[in-house]
Amino acid sequence: LRIQRSELFGPQNIGELADLLNAKLGQ
């Protein structure tokens, strides 16, 4: 997965990070 690191600043915990990456994979 290639995304800007700045897109990863939102998640507050590991679960939110996993959810964000899952959404990015879907895109």
mmCIF file of all heavy atoms, coordinates in Angstrom:
data_MODEL
# 
_entry.id   MODEL 
# 
loop_
_atom_site.group_PDB 
_atom_site.id 
_atom_site.type_symbol 
_atom_site.label_atom_id 
_atom_site.label_alt_id 
_atom_site.label_comp_id 
_atom_site.label_asym_id 
_atom_site.label_entity_id 
_atom_site.label_seq_id 
_atom_site.pdbx_PDB_ins_code 
_atom_site.Cartn_x 
_atom_site.Cartn_y 
_atom_site.Cartn_z 
_atom_site.occupancy 
_atom_site.B_iso_or_equiv 
_atom_site.pdbx_formal_charge 
_atom_site.auth_seq_id 
_atom_site.auth_comp_id 
_atom_site.auth_asym_id 
_atom_site.auth_atom_id 
_atom_site.pdbx_PDB_model_num 
ATOM 1   N N   . LEU A 1 1  ? 0.844   -1.186 0.000  1.00 0.00 ? 1  LEU A N   1 
ATOM 2   C CA  . LEU A 1 1  ? 0.000   0.000  0.000  1.00 0.00 ? 1  LEU A CA  1 
ATOM 3   C C   . LEU A 1 1  ? 0.885   1.243  0.000  1.00 0.00 ? 1  LEU A C   1 
ATOM 4   O O   . LEU A 1 1  ? 1.790   1.372  0.831  1.00 0.00 ? 1  LEU A O   1 
ATOM 5   C CB  . LEU A 1 1  ? -0.892  -0.017 1.251  1.00 0.00 ? 1  LEU A CB  1 
ATOM 6   C CG  . LEU A 1 1  ? -1.957  1.037  1.400  1.00 0.00 ? 1  LEU A CG  1 
ATOM 7   C CD1 . LEU A 1 1  ? -2.956  0.970  0.243  1.00 0.00 ? 1  LEU A CD1 1 
ATOM 8   C CD2 . LEU A 1 1  ? -2.691  0.843  2.713  1.00 0.00 ? 1  LEU A CD2 1 
ATOM 9   N N   . ARG A 1 2  ? 0.628   2.125  -0.924 1.00 0.00 ? 2  ARG A N   1 
ATOM 10  C CA  . ARG A 1 2  ? 1.369   3.378  -1.016 1.00 0.00 ? 2  ARG A CA  1 
ATOM 11  C C   . ARG A 1 2  ? 0.423   4.529  -0.708 1.00 0.00 ? 2  ARG A C   1 
ATOM 12  O O   . ARG A 1 2  ? -0.474  4.821  -1.490 1.00 0.00 ? 2  ARG A O   1 
ATOM 13  C CB  . ARG A 1 2  ? 1.961   3.558  -2.409 1.00 0.00 ? 2  ARG A CB  1 
ATOM 14  C CG  . ARG A 1 2  ? 3.005   2.545  -2.751 1.00 0.00 ? 2  ARG A CG  1 
ATOM 15  C CD  . ARG A 1 2  ? 3.703   2.939  -4.044 1.00 0.00 ? 2  ARG A CD  1 
ATOM 16  N NE  . ARG A 1 2  ? 4.615   1.927  -4.483 1.00 0.00 ? 2  ARG A NE  1 
ATOM 17  C CZ  . ARG A 1 2  ? 5.860   1.770  -4.020 1.00 0.00 ? 2  ARG A CZ  1 
ATOM 18  N NH1 . ARG A 1 2  ? 6.316   2.577  -3.109 1.00 0.00 ? 2  ARG A NH1 1 
ATOM 19  N NH2 . ARG A 1 2  ? 6.629   0.813  -4.487 1.00 0.00 ? 2  ARG A NH2 1 
ATOM 20  N N   . ILE A 1 3  ? 0.647   5.136  0.457  1.00 0.00 ? 3  ILE A N   1 
ATOM 21  C CA  . ILE A 1 3  ? -0.139  6.304  0.838  1.00 0.00 ? 3  ILE A CA  1 
ATOM 22  C C   . ILE A 1 3  ? 0.793   7.312  1.504  1.00 0.00 ? 3  ILE A C   1 
ATOM 23  O O   . ILE A 1 3  ? 1.874   6.953  1.984  1.00 0.00 ? 3  ILE A O   1 
ATOM 24  C CB  . ILE A 1 3  ? -1.306  5.944  1.786  1.00 0.00 ? 3  ILE A CB  1 
ATOM 25  C CG1 . ILE A 1 3  ? -0.794  5.274  3.058  1.00 0.00 ? 3  ILE A CG1 1 
ATOM 26  C CG2 . ILE A 1 3  ? -2.326  5.067  1.112  1.00 0.00 ? 3  ILE A CG2 1 
ATOM 27  C CD1 . ILE A 1 3  ? -1.859  5.035  4.099  1.00 0.00 ? 3  ILE A CD1 1 
ATOM 28  N N   . GLN A 1 4  ? 0.363   8.558  1.540  1.00 0.00 ? 4  GLN A N   1 
ATOM 29  C CA  . GLN A 1 4  ? 1.134   9.600  2.210  1.00 0.00 ? 4  GLN A CA  1 
ATOM 30  C C   . GLN A 1 4  ? 1.128   9.339  3.718  1.00 0.00 ? 4  GLN A C   1 
ATOM 31  O O   . GLN A 1 4  ? 0.088   9.004  4.295  1.00 0.00 ? 4  GLN A O   1 
ATOM 32  C CB  . GLN A 1 4  ? 0.517   10.977 1.929  1.00 0.00 ? 4  GLN A CB  1 
ATOM 33  C CG  . GLN A 1 4  ? 0.557   11.383 0.488  1.00 0.00 ? 4  GLN A CG  1 
ATOM 34  C CD  . GLN A 1 4  ? 1.979   11.658 0.034  1.00 0.00 ? 4  GLN A CD  1 
ATOM 35  O OE1 . GLN A 1 4  ? 2.806   12.158 0.784  1.00 0.00 ? 4  GLN A OE1 1 
ATOM 36  N NE2 . GLN A 1 4  ? 2.260   11.296 -1.209 1.00 0.00 ? 4  GLN A NE2 1 
ATOM 37  N N   . ARG A 1 5  ? 2.276   9.493  4.346  1.00 0.00 ? 5  ARG A N   1 
ATOM 38  C CA  . ARG A 1 5  ? 2.351   9.285  5.798  1.00 0.00 ? 5  ARG A CA  1 
ATOM 39  C C   . ARG A 1 5  ? 1.414   10.237 6.546  1.00 0.00 ? 5  ARG A C   1 
ATOM 40  O O   . ARG A 1 5  ? 0.902   9.913  7.607  1.00 0.00 ? 5  ARG A O   1 
ATOM 41  C CB  . ARG A 1 5  ? 3.787   9.480  6.298  1.00 0.00 ? 5  ARG A CB  1 
ATOM 42  C CG  . ARG A 1 5  ? 4.804   8.510  5.733  1.00 0.00 ? 5  ARG A CG  1 
ATOM 43  C CD  . ARG A 1 5  ? 4.615   7.121  6.314  1.00 0.00 ? 5  ARG A CD  1 
ATOM 44  N NE  . ARG A 1 5  ? 5.771   6.278  6.098  1.00 0.00 ? 5  ARG A NE  1 
ATOM 45  C CZ  . ARG A 1 5  ? 5.880   5.430  5.096  1.00 0.00 ? 5  ARG A CZ  1 
ATOM 46  N NH1 . ARG A 1 5  ? 4.925   5.331  4.222  1.00 0.00 ? 5  ARG A NH1 1 
ATOM 47  N NH2 . ARG A 1 5  ? 6.943   4.668  4.976  1.00 0.00 ? 5  ARG A NH2 1 
ATOM 48  N N   . SER A 1 6  ? 1.183   11.420 5.982  1.00 0.00 ? 6  SER A N   1 
ATOM 49  C CA  . SER A 1 6  ? 0.299   12.391 6.630  1.00 0.00 ? 6  SER A CA  1 
ATOM 50  C C   . SER A 1 6  ? -1.131  11.856 6.764  1.00 0.00 ? 6  SER A C   1 
ATOM 51  O O   . SER A 1 6  ? -1.880  12.298 7.638  1.00 0.00 ? 6  SER A O   1 
ATOM 52  C CB  . SER A 1 6  ? 0.295   13.713 5.863  1.00 0.00 ? 6  SER A CB  1 
ATOM 53  O OG  . SER A 1 6  ? -0.180  13.517 4.548  1.00 0.00 ? 6  SER A OG  1 
ATOM 54  N N   . GLU A 1 7  ? -1.510  10.901 5.938  1.00 0.00 ? 7  GLU A N   1 
ATOM 55  C CA  . GLU A 1 7  ? -2.843  10.307 6.026  1.00 0.00 ? 7  GLU A CA  1 
ATOM 56  C C   . GLU A 1 7  ? -2.982  9.389  7.237  1.00 0.00 ? 7  GLU A C   1 
ATOM 57  O O   . GLU A 1 7  ? -4.078  8.956  7.573  1.00 0.00 ? 7  GLU A O   1 
ATOM 58  C CB  . GLU A 1 7  ? -3.157  9.519  4.758  1.00 0.00 ? 7  GLU A CB  1 
ATOM 59  C CG  . GLU A 1 7  ? -3.263  10.379 3.517  1.00 0.00 ? 7  GLU A CG  1 
ATOM 60  C CD  . GLU A 1 7  ? -3.634  9.575  2.286  1.00 0.00 ? 7  GLU A CD  1 
ATOM 61  O OE1 . GLU A 1 7  ? -4.678  8.883  2.330  1.00 0.00 ? 7  GLU A OE1 1 
ATOM 62  O OE2 . GLU A 1 7  ? -2.882  9.631  1.307  1.00 0.00 ? 7  GLU A OE2 1 
ATOM 63  N N   . LEU A 1 8  ? -1.870  9.118  7.908  1.00 0.00 ? 8  LEU A N   1 
ATOM 64  C CA  . LEU A 1 8  ? -1.881  8.184  9.037  1.00 0.00 ? 8  LEU A CA  1 
ATOM 65  C C   . LEU A 1 8  ? -1.850  8.885  10.388 1.00 0.00 ? 8  LEU A C   1 
ATOM 66  O O   . LEU A 1 8  ? -1.683  8.246  11.413 1.00 0.00 ? 8  LEU A O   1 
ATOM 67  C CB  . LEU A 1 8  ? -0.681  7.232  8.923  1.00 0.00 ? 8  LEU A CB  1 
ATOM 68  C CG  . LEU A 1 8  ? -0.636  6.399  7.647  1.00 0.00 ? 8  LEU A CG  1 
ATOM 69  C CD1 . LEU A 1 8  ? 0.656   5.600  7.582  1.00 0.00 ? 8  LEU A CD1 1 
ATOM 70  C CD2 . LEU A 1 8  ? -1.833  5.487  7.567  1.00 0.00 ? 8  LEU A CD2 1 
ATOM 71  N N   . PHE A 1 9  ? -2.022  10.224 10.401 1.00 0.00 ? 9  PHE A N   1 
ATOM 72  C CA  . PHE A 1 9  ? -1.949  10.966 11.655 1.00 0.00 ? 9  PHE A CA  1 
ATOM 73  C C   . PHE A 1 9  ? -3.213  10.882 12.498 1.00 0.00 ? 9  PHE A C   1 
ATOM 74  O O   . PHE A 1 9  ? -3.180  11.134 13.675 1.00 0.00 ? 9  PHE A O   1 
ATOM 75  C CB  . PHE A 1 9  ? -1.613  12.436 11.402 1.00 0.00 ? 9  PHE A CB  1 
ATOM 76  C CG  . PHE A 1 9  ? -0.211  12.668 10.921 1.00 0.00 ? 9  PHE A CG  1 
ATOM 77  C CD1 . PHE A 1 9  ? 0.036   13.620 9.953  1.00 0.00 ? 9  PHE A CD1 1 
ATOM 78  C CD2 . PHE A 1 9  ? 0.848   11.952 11.417 1.00 0.00 ? 9  PHE A CD2 1 
ATOM 79  C CE1 . PHE A 1 9  ? 1.326   13.854 9.495  1.00 0.00 ? 9  PHE A CE1 1 
ATOM 80  C CE2 . PHE A 1 9  ? 2.138   12.166 10.972 1.00 0.00 ? 9  PHE A CE2 1 
ATOM 81  C CZ  . PHE A 1 9  ? 2.380   13.119 10.010 1.00 0.00 ? 9  PHE A CZ  1 
ATOM 82  N N   . GLY A 1 10 ? -4.343  10.512 11.932 1.00 0.00 ? 10 GLY A N   1 
ATOM 83  C CA  . GLY A 1 10 ? -5.613  10.524 12.643 1.00 0.00 ? 10 GLY A CA  1 
ATOM 84  C C   . GLY A 1 10 ? -5.826  9.446  13.687 1.00 0.00 ? 10 GLY A C   1 
ATOM 85  O O   . GLY A 1 10 ? -6.339  9.724  14.763 1.00 0.00 ? 10 GLY A O   1 
ATOM 86  N N   . PRO A 1 11 ? -5.460  8.199  13.408 1.00 0.00 ? 11 PRO A N   1 
ATOM 87  C CA  . PRO A 1 11 ? -5.773  7.121  14.352 1.00 0.00 ? 11 PRO A CA  1 
ATOM 88  C C   . PRO A 1 11 ? -5.136  7.331  15.729 1.00 0.00 ? 11 PRO A C   1 
ATOM 89  O O   . PRO A 1 11 ? -3.980  7.726  15.828 1.00 0.00 ? 11 PRO A O   1 
ATOM 90  C CB  . PRO A 1 11 ? -5.194  5.875  13.682 1.00 0.00 ? 11 PRO A CB  1 
ATOM 91  C CG  . PRO A 1 11 ? -5.122  6.220  12.241 1.00 0.00 ? 11 PRO A CG  1 
ATOM 92  C CD  . PRO A 1 11 ? -4.841  7.686  12.195 1.00 0.00 ? 11 PRO A CD  1 
ATOM 93  N N   . GLN A 1 12 ? -5.939  7.048  16.758 1.00 0.00 ? 12 GLN A N   1 
ATOM 94  C CA  . GLN A 1 12 ? -5.469  7.203  18.134 1.00 0.00 ? 12 GLN A CA  1 
ATOM 95  C C   . GLN A 1 12 ? -4.975  5.894  18.746 1.00 0.00 ? 12 GLN A C   1 
ATOM 96  O O   . GLN A 1 12 ? -4.356  5.911  19.804 1.00 0.00 ? 12 GLN A O   1 
ATOM 97  C CB  . GLN A 1 12 ? -6.607  7.763  18.999 1.00 0.00 ? 12 GLN A CB  1 
ATOM 98  C CG  . GLN A 1 12 ? -7.093  9.121  18.541 1.00 0.00 ? 12 GLN A CG  1 
ATOM 99  C CD  . GLN A 1 12 ? -6.002  10.177 18.650 1.00 0.00 ? 12 GLN A CD  1 
ATOM 100 O OE1 . GLN A 1 12 ? -5.400  10.326 19.710 1.00 0.00 ? 12 GLN A OE1 1 
ATOM 101 N NE2 . GLN A 1 12 ? -5.739  10.878 17.574 1.00 0.00 ? 12 GLN A NE2 1 
ATOM 102 N N   . ASN A 1 13 ? -5.269  4.772  18.087 1.00 0.00 ? 13 ASN A N   1 
ATOM 103 C CA  . ASN A 1 13 ? -4.825  3.488  18.621 1.00 0.00 ? 13 ASN A CA  1 
ATOM 104 C C   . ASN A 1 13 ? -4.616  2.502  17.464 1.00 0.00 ? 13 ASN A C   1 
ATOM 105 O O   . ASN A 1 13 ? -4.898  2.829  16.303 1.00 0.00 ? 13 ASN A O   1 
ATOM 106 C CB  . ASN A 1 13 ? -5.815  2.953  19.662 1.00 0.00 ? 13 ASN A CB  1 
ATOM 107 C CG  . ASN A 1 13 ? -7.215  2.818  19.117 1.00 0.00 ? 13 ASN A CG  1 
ATOM 108 O OD1 . ASN A 1 13 ? -7.434  2.280  18.027 1.00 0.00 ? 13 ASN A OD1 1 
ATOM 109 N ND2 . ASN A 1 13 ? -8.190  3.304  19.880 1.00 0.00 ? 13 ASN A ND2 1 
ATOM 110 N N   . ILE A 1 14 ? -4.150  1.323  17.791 1.00 0.00 ? 14 ILE A N   1 
ATOM 111 C CA  . ILE A 1 14 ? -3.820  0.333  16.770 1.00 0.00 ? 14 ILE A CA  1 
ATOM 112 C C   . ILE A 1 14 ? -5.065  -0.121 16.009 1.00 0.00 ? 14 ILE A C   1 
ATOM 113 O O   . ILE A 1 14 ? -5.023  -0.326 14.802 1.00 0.00 ? 14 ILE A O   1 
ATOM 114 C CB  . ILE A 1 14 ? -3.083  -0.868 17.406 1.00 0.00 ? 14 ILE A CB  1 
ATOM 115 C CG1 . ILE A 1 14 ? -1.746  -0.407 18.002 1.00 0.00 ? 14 ILE A CG1 1 
ATOM 116 C CG2 . ILE A 1 14 ? -2.841  -1.964 16.376 1.00 0.00 ? 14 ILE A CG2 1 
ATOM 117 C CD1 . ILE A 1 14 ? -1.026  -1.470 18.815 1.00 0.00 ? 14 ILE A CD1 1 
ATOM 118 N N   . GLY A 1 15 ? -6.178  -0.249 16.687 1.00 0.00 ? 15 GLY A N   1 
ATOM 119 C CA  . GLY A 1 15 ? -7.417  -0.655 16.027 1.00 0.00 ? 15 GLY A CA  1 
ATOM 120 C C   . GLY A 1 15 ? -7.869  0.364  14.996 1.00 0.00 ? 15 GLY A C   1 
ATOM 121 O O   . GLY A 1 15 ? -8.278  0.001  13.885 1.00 0.00 ? 15 GLY A O   1 
ATOM 122 N N   . GLU A 1 16 ? -7.789  1.644  15.341 1.00 0.00 ? 16 GLU A N   1 
ATOM 123 C CA  . GLU A 1 16 ? -8.167  2.695  14.391 1.00 0.00 ? 16 GLU A CA  1 
ATOM 124 C C   . GLU A 1 16 ? -7.213  2.711  13.196 1.00 0.00 ? 16 GLU A C   1 
ATOM 125 O O   . GLU A 1 16 ? -7.641  2.947  12.067 1.00 0.00 ? 16 GLU A O   1 
ATOM 126 C CB  . GLU A 1 16 ? -8.186  4.055  15.080 1.00 0.00 ? 16 GLU A CB  1 
ATOM 127 C CG  . GLU A 1 16 ? -9.331  4.229  16.045 1.00 0.00 ? 16 GLU A CG  1 
ATOM 128 C CD  . GLU A 1 16 ? -9.321  5.563  16.754 1.00 0.00 ? 16 GLU A CD  1 
ATOM 129 O OE1 . GLU A 1 16 ? -8.549  6.471  16.363 1.00 0.00 ? 16 GLU A OE1 1 
ATOM 130 O OE2 . GLU A 1 16 ? -10.091 5.716  17.720 1.00 0.00 ? 16 GLU A OE2 1 
ATOM 131 N N   . LEU A 1 17 ? -5.937  2.447  13.451 1.00 0.00 ? 17 LEU A N   1 
ATOM 132 C CA  . LEU A 1 17 ? -4.968  2.374  12.358 1.00 0.00 ? 17 LEU A CA  1 
ATOM 133 C C   . LEU A 1 17 ? -5.315  1.219  11.422 1.00 0.00 ? 17 LEU A C   1 
ATOM 134 O O   . LEU A 1 17 ? -5.307  1.371  10.206 1.00 0.00 ? 17 LEU A O   1 
ATOM 135 C CB  . LEU A 1 17 ? -3.552  2.209  12.904 1.00 0.00 ? 17 LEU A CB  1 
ATOM 136 C CG  . LEU A 1 17 ? -2.445  2.015  11.870 1.00 0.00 ? 17 LEU A CG  1 
ATOM 137 C CD1 . LEU A 1 17 ? -2.358  3.216  10.919 1.00 0.00 ? 17 LEU A CD1 1 
ATOM 138 C CD2 . LEU A 1 17 ? -1.113  1.777  12.562 1.00 0.00 ? 17 LEU A CD2 1 
ATOM 139 N N   . ALA A 1 18 ? -5.653  0.068  11.985 1.00 0.00 ? 18 ALA A N   1 
ATOM 140 C CA  . ALA A 1 18 ? -6.039  -1.089 11.165 1.00 0.00 ? 18 ALA A CA  1 
ATOM 141 C C   . ALA A 1 18 ? -7.273  -0.772 10.332 1.00 0.00 ? 18 ALA A C   1 
ATOM 142 O O   . ALA A 1 18 ? -7.325  -1.109 9.146  1.00 0.00 ? 18 ALA A O   1 
ATOM 143 C CB  . ALA A 1 18 ? -6.290  -2.304 12.062 1.00 0.00 ? 18 ALA A CB  1 
ATOM 144 N N   . ASP A 1 19 ? -8.244  -0.098 10.928 1.00 0.00 ? 19 ASP A N   1 
ATOM 145 C CA  . ASP A 1 19 ? -9.459  0.273  10.200 1.00 0.00 ? 19 ASP A CA  1 
ATOM 146 C C   . ASP A 1 19 ? -9.145  1.246  9.064  1.00 0.00 ? 19 ASP A C   1 
ATOM 147 O O   . ASP A 1 19 ? -9.671  1.103  7.952  1.00 0.00 ? 19 ASP A O   1 
ATOM 148 C CB  . ASP A 1 19 ? -10.488 0.894  11.147 1.00 0.00 ? 19 ASP A CB  1 
ATOM 149 C CG  . ASP A 1 19 ? -11.040 -0.090 12.162 1.00 0.00 ? 19 ASP A CG  1 
ATOM 150 O OD1 . ASP A 1 19 ? -10.910 -1.317 11.950 1.00 0.00 ? 19 ASP A OD1 1 
ATOM 151 O OD2 . ASP A 1 19 ? -11.589 0.370  13.187 1.00 0.00 ? 19 ASP A OD2 1 
ATOM 152 N N   . LEU A 1 20 ? -8.276  2.227  9.333  1.00 0.00 ? 20 LEU A N   1 
ATOM 153 C CA  . LEU A 1 20 ? -7.907  3.198  8.305  1.00 0.00 ? 20 LEU A CA  1 
ATOM 154 C C   . LEU A 1 20 ? -7.195  2.512  7.141  1.00 0.00 ? 20 LEU A C   1 
ATOM 155 O O   . LEU A 1 20 ? -7.514  2.757  5.973  1.00 0.00 ? 20 LEU A O   1 
ATOM 156 C CB  . LEU A 1 20 ? -7.011  4.286  8.895  1.00 0.00 ? 20 LEU A CB  1 
ATOM 157 C CG  . LEU A 1 20 ? -6.450  5.283  7.882  1.00 0.00 ? 20 LEU A CG  1 
ATOM 158 C CD1 . LEU A 1 20 ? -7.540  6.239  7.407  1.00 0.00 ? 20 LEU A CD1 1 
ATOM 159 C CD2 . LEU A 1 20 ? -5.295  6.042  8.465  1.00 0.00 ? 20 LEU A CD2 1 
ATOM 160 N N   . LEU A 1 21 ? -6.243  1.641  7.459  1.00 0.00 ? 21 LEU A N   1 
ATOM 161 C CA  . LEU A 1 21 ? -5.510  0.935  6.397  1.00 0.00 ? 21 LEU A CA  1 
ATOM 162 C C   . LEU A 1 21 ? -6.442  0.028  5.599  1.00 0.00 ? 21 LEU A C   1 
ATOM 163 O O   . LEU A 1 21 ? -6.315  -0.089 4.383  1.00 0.00 ? 21 LEU A O   1 
ATOM 164 C CB  . LEU A 1 21 ? -4.338  0.145  6.992  1.00 0.00 ? 21 LEU A CB  1 
ATOM 165 C CG  . LEU A 1 21 ? -3.225  0.992  7.577  1.00 0.00 ? 21 LEU A CG  1 
ATOM 166 C CD1 . LEU A 1 21 ? -2.197  0.113  8.280  1.00 0.00 ? 21 LEU A CD1 1 
ATOM 167 C CD2 . LEU A 1 21 ? -2.562  1.870  6.529  1.00 0.00 ? 21 LEU A CD2 1 
ATOM 168 N N   . ASN A 1 22 ? -7.403  -0.582 6.286  1.00 0.00 ? 22 ASN A N   1 
ATOM 169 C CA  . ASN A 1 22 ? -8.383  -1.412 5.604  1.00 0.00 ? 22 ASN A CA  1 
ATOM 170 C C   . ASN A 1 22 ? -9.192  -0.567 4.629  1.00 0.00 ? 22 ASN A C   1 
ATOM 171 O O   . ASN A 1 22 ? -9.444  -0.985 3.494  1.00 0.00 ? 22 ASN A O   1 
ATOM 172 C CB  . ASN A 1 22 ? -9.293  -2.090 6.628  1.00 0.00 ? 22 ASN A CB  1 
ATOM 173 C CG  . ASN A 1 22 ? -10.226 -3.089 5.996  1.00 0.00 ? 22 ASN A CG  1 
ATOM 174 O OD1 . ASN A 1 22 ? -9.817  -3.886 5.155  1.00 0.00 ? 22 ASN A OD1 1 
ATOM 175 N ND2 . ASN A 1 22 ? -11.479 -3.053 6.390  1.00 0.00 ? 22 ASN A ND2 1 
ATOM 176 N N   . ALA A 1 23 ? -9.589  0.618  5.037  1.00 0.00 ? 23 ALA A N   1 
ATOM 177 C CA  . ALA A 1 23 ? -10.345 1.518  4.164  1.00 0.00 ? 23 ALA A CA  1 
ATOM 178 C C   . ALA A 1 23 ? -9.483  1.943  2.975  1.00 0.00 ? 23 ALA A C   1 
ATOM 179 O O   . ALA A 1 23 ? -9.971  1.999  1.832  1.00 0.00 ? 23 ALA A O   1 
ATOM 180 C CB  . ALA A 1 23 ? -10.816 2.734  4.944  1.00 0.00 ? 23 ALA A CB  1 
ATOM 181 N N   . LYS A 1 24 ? -8.210  2.224  3.212  1.00 0.00 ? 24 LYS A N   1 
ATOM 182 C CA  . LYS A 1 24 ? -7.311  2.635  2.129  1.00 0.00 ? 24 LYS A CA  1 
ATOM 183 C C   . LYS A 1 24 ? -7.105  1.489  1.133  1.00 0.00 ? 24 LYS A C   1 
ATOM 184 O O   . LYS A 1 24 ? -7.018  1.726  -0.072 1.00 0.00 ? 24 LYS A O   1 
ATOM 185 C CB  . LYS A 1 24 ? -5.955  3.096  2.676  1.00 0.00 ? 24 LYS A CB  1 
ATOM 186 C CG  . LYS A 1 24 ? -6.019  4.349  3.502  1.00 0.00 ? 24 LYS A CG  1 
ATOM 187 C CD  . LYS A 1 24 ? -6.417  5.529  2.675  1.00 0.00 ? 24 LYS A CD  1 
ATOM 188 C CE  . LYS A 1 24 ? -6.495  6.792  3.494  1.00 0.00 ? 24 LYS A CE  1 
ATOM 189 N NZ  . LYS A 1 24 ? -6.937  7.945  2.704  1.00 0.00 ? 24 LYS A NZ  1 
ATOM 190 N N   . LEU A 1 25 ? -7.042  0.263  1.624  1.00 0.00 ? 25 LEU A N   1 
ATOM 191 C CA  . LEU A 1 25 ? -6.915  -0.881 0.724  1.00 0.00 ? 25 LEU A CA  1 
ATOM 192 C C   . LEU A 1 25 ? -8.146  -0.996 -0.167 1.00 0.00 ? 25 LEU A C   1 
ATOM 193 O O   . LEU A 1 25 ? -8.032  -1.348 -1.339 1.00 0.00 ? 25 LEU A O   1 
ATOM 194 C CB  . LEU A 1 25 ? -6.737  -2.176 1.514  1.00 0.00 ? 25 LEU A CB  1 
ATOM 195 C CG  . LEU A 1 25 ? -5.339  -2.530 1.960  1.00 0.00 ? 25 LEU A CG  1 
ATOM 196 C CD1 . LEU A 1 25 ? -5.366  -3.771 2.846  1.00 0.00 ? 25 LEU A CD1 1 
ATOM 197 C CD2 . LEU A 1 25 ? -4.415  -2.739 0.787  1.00 0.00 ? 25 LEU A CD2 1 
ATOM 198 N N   . GLY A 1 26 ? -9.295  -0.692 0.393  1.00 0.00 ? 26 GLY A N   1 
ATOM 199 C CA  . GLY A 1 26 ? -10.530 -0.755 -0.373 1.00 0.00 ? 26 GLY A CA  1 
ATOM 200 C C   . GLY A 1 26 ? -10.605 0.302  -1.458 1.00 0.00 ? 26 GLY A C   1 
ATOM 201 O O   . GLY A 1 26 ? -11.303 0.138  -2.456 1.00 0.00 ? 26 GLY A O   1 
ATOM 202 N N   . GLN A 1 27 ? -9.865  1.388  -1.284 1.00 0.00 ? 27 GLN A N   1 
ATOM 203 C CA  . GLN A 1 27 ? -9.858  2.478  -2.259 1.00 0.00 ? 27 GLN A CA  1 
ATOM 204 C C   . GLN A 1 27 ? -8.880  2.250  -3.383 1.00 0.00 ? 27 GLN A C   1 
ATOM 205 O O   . GLN A 1 27 ? -8.988  2.853  -4.431 1.00 0.00 ? 27 GLN A O   1 
ATOM 206 C CB  . GLN A 1 27 ? -9.520  3.797  -1.576 1.00 0.00 ? 27 GLN A CB  1 
ATOM 207 C CG  . GLN A 1 27 ? -10.556 4.276  -0.617 1.00 0.00 ? 27 GLN A CG  1 
ATOM 208 C CD  . GLN A 1 27 ? -10.110 5.508  0.147  1.00 0.00 ? 27 GLN A CD  1 
ATOM 209 O OE1 . GLN A 1 27 ? -9.039  6.054  -0.069 1.00 0.00 ? 27 GLN A OE1 1 
ATOM 210 N NE2 . GLN A 1 27 ? -10.951 5.952  1.060  1.00 0.00 ? 27 GLN A NE2 1 
# 
